Amino acid sequence: MKELVTQTGMIIKYRKTEIVFFSDSQSAVPFSVLEIPAEFSSMAVAFYDLIVEHDHPTALLGCQGNYDIAVQLDEKTGTMIGWHWFR
């Protein structure tokens, strides 16, 4: 599992099919799991990286074809707050 620590100390870990959020480094219990959003499930095949984009954790989804999707996440709740396509 790859790990990203945000400015507020939240830890995000990801696998190919899900991203798990932890409140801080002392927490062993995840508080939120993000699976590939339903609207992308027919085209996205896996989460392949986590980055910080415009000060928000962003999950990159690998898609079928020659494009990908970046899903921006709320840093406190782990919910999707936006997305965009890129090649």
Protein backbone atom coordinates (compact mmCIF):
# COMPACT_ATOMS: atom_id res chain seq x y z
CA MET A 1 0.00 0.00 0.00
CA LYS A 2 1.29 3.44 -0.90
CA GLU A 3 0.90 6.17 1.71
CA LEU A 4 0.34 9.93 1.58
CA VAL A 5 0.32 12.20 4.65
CA THR A 6 -1.58 15.48 4.27
CA GLN A 7 -0.79 18.83 5.88
CA THR A 8 -3.35 18.18 8.62
CA GLY A 9 -1.76 14.82 9.49
CA MET A 10 -4.36 12.62 7.87
CA ILE A 11 -2.90 9.46 6.38
CA ILE A 12 -4.21 8.07 3.11
CA LYS A 13 -3.23 4.62 1.85
CA TYR A 14 -4.24 3.13 -1.45
CA ARG A 15 -4.52 -0.14 -3.29
CA LYS A 16 -5.53 -0.74 -6.88
CA THR A 17 -9.23 -0.68 -6.05
CA GLU A 18 -9.64 1.42 -2.90
CA ILE A 19 -8.25 4.30 -0.90
CA VAL A 20 -8.39 4.18 2.90
CA PHE A 21 -8.26 7.25 5.18
CA PHE A 22 -6.84 7.33 8.72
CA SER A 23 -7.24 10.30 11.06
CA ASP A 24 -3.57 10.43 12.10
CA SER A 25 -0.43 8.37 12.53
CA GLN A 26 -1.64 7.04 15.90
CA SER A 27 -4.91 5.71 14.46
CA ALA A 28 -5.08 2.10 13.41
CA VAL A 29 -8.75 2.38 12.45
CA PRO A 30 -9.73 3.71 9.03
CA PHE A 31 -12.53 6.28 9.03
CA SER A 32 -13.32 6.34 5.34
CA VAL A 33 -12.84 4.10 2.33
CA LEU A 34 -13.11 5.44 -1.20
CA GLU A 35 -13.81 2.85 -3.85
CA ILE A 36 -13.72 3.73 -7.53
CA PRO A 37 -16.78 6.01 -7.88
CA ALA A 38 -19.76 4.33 -9.55
CA GLU A 39 -19.83 6.89 -12.35
CA PHE A 40 -16.32 5.80 -13.35
CA SER A 41 -16.66 2.06 -12.70
CA SER A 42 -17.25 1.16 -16.36
CA MET A 43 -14.02 2.87 -17.48
CA ALA A 44 -11.63 3.08 -14.51
CA VAL A 45 -9.64 -0.03 -13.72
CA ALA A 46 -7.48 0.98 -10.73
CA PHE A 47 -6.20 3.74 -8.49
CA TYR A 48 -2.57 4.10 -9.48
CA ASP A 49 -1.23 7.08 -7.53
CA LEU A 50 -1.97 9.68 -4.87
CA ILE A 51 -0.80 13.27 -5.21
CA VAL A 52 -1.60 16.65 -3.69
CA GLU A 53 -3.16 18.90 -6.32
CA HIS A 54 -4.31 22.45 -5.49
CA ASP A 55 -3.81 21.64 -1.79
CA HIS A 56 -6.19 18.65 -1.93
CA PRO A 57 -5.33 14.94 -1.88
CA THR A 58 -6.03 13.65 -5.36
CA ALA A 59 -6.37 10.04 -6.48
CA LEU A 60 -5.36 9.18 -10.02
CA LEU A 61 -7.49 6.50 -11.65
CA GLY A 62 -6.14 4.46 -14.53
CA CYS A 63 -8.77 4.05 -17.24
CA GLN A 64 -9.36 1.93 -20.28
CA GLY A 65 -8.23 3.83 -23.34
CA ASN A 66 -5.77 6.71 -23.50
CA TYR A 67 -6.95 8.94 -20.66
CA ASP A 68 -7.07 8.98 -16.87
CA ILE A 69 -9.23 10.62 -14.20
CA ALA A 70 -8.03 12.68 -11.25
CA VAL A 71 -10.45 12.53 -8.31
CA GLN A 72 -10.07 15.36 -5.77
CA LEU A 73 -10.82 14.37 -2.18
CA ASP A 74 -12.00 16.34 0.82
CA GLU A 75 -9.14 16.28 3.30
CA LYS A 76 -11.39 15.90 6.35
CA THR A 77 -13.94 13.38 5.12
CA GLY A 78 -12.27 11.60 2.22
CA THR A 79 -15.28 12.18 -0.02
CA MET A 80 -14.97 13.13 -3.67
CA ILE A 81 -15.26 16.90 -4.21
CA GLY A 82 -14.33 17.08 -7.88
CA TRP A 83 -12.70 15.32 -10.77
CA HIS A 84 -11.24 15.94 -14.21
CA TRP A 85 -10.02 14.00 -17.23
CA PHE A 86 -6.50 14.15 -18.56
CA ARG A 87 -4.45 12.31 -21.18
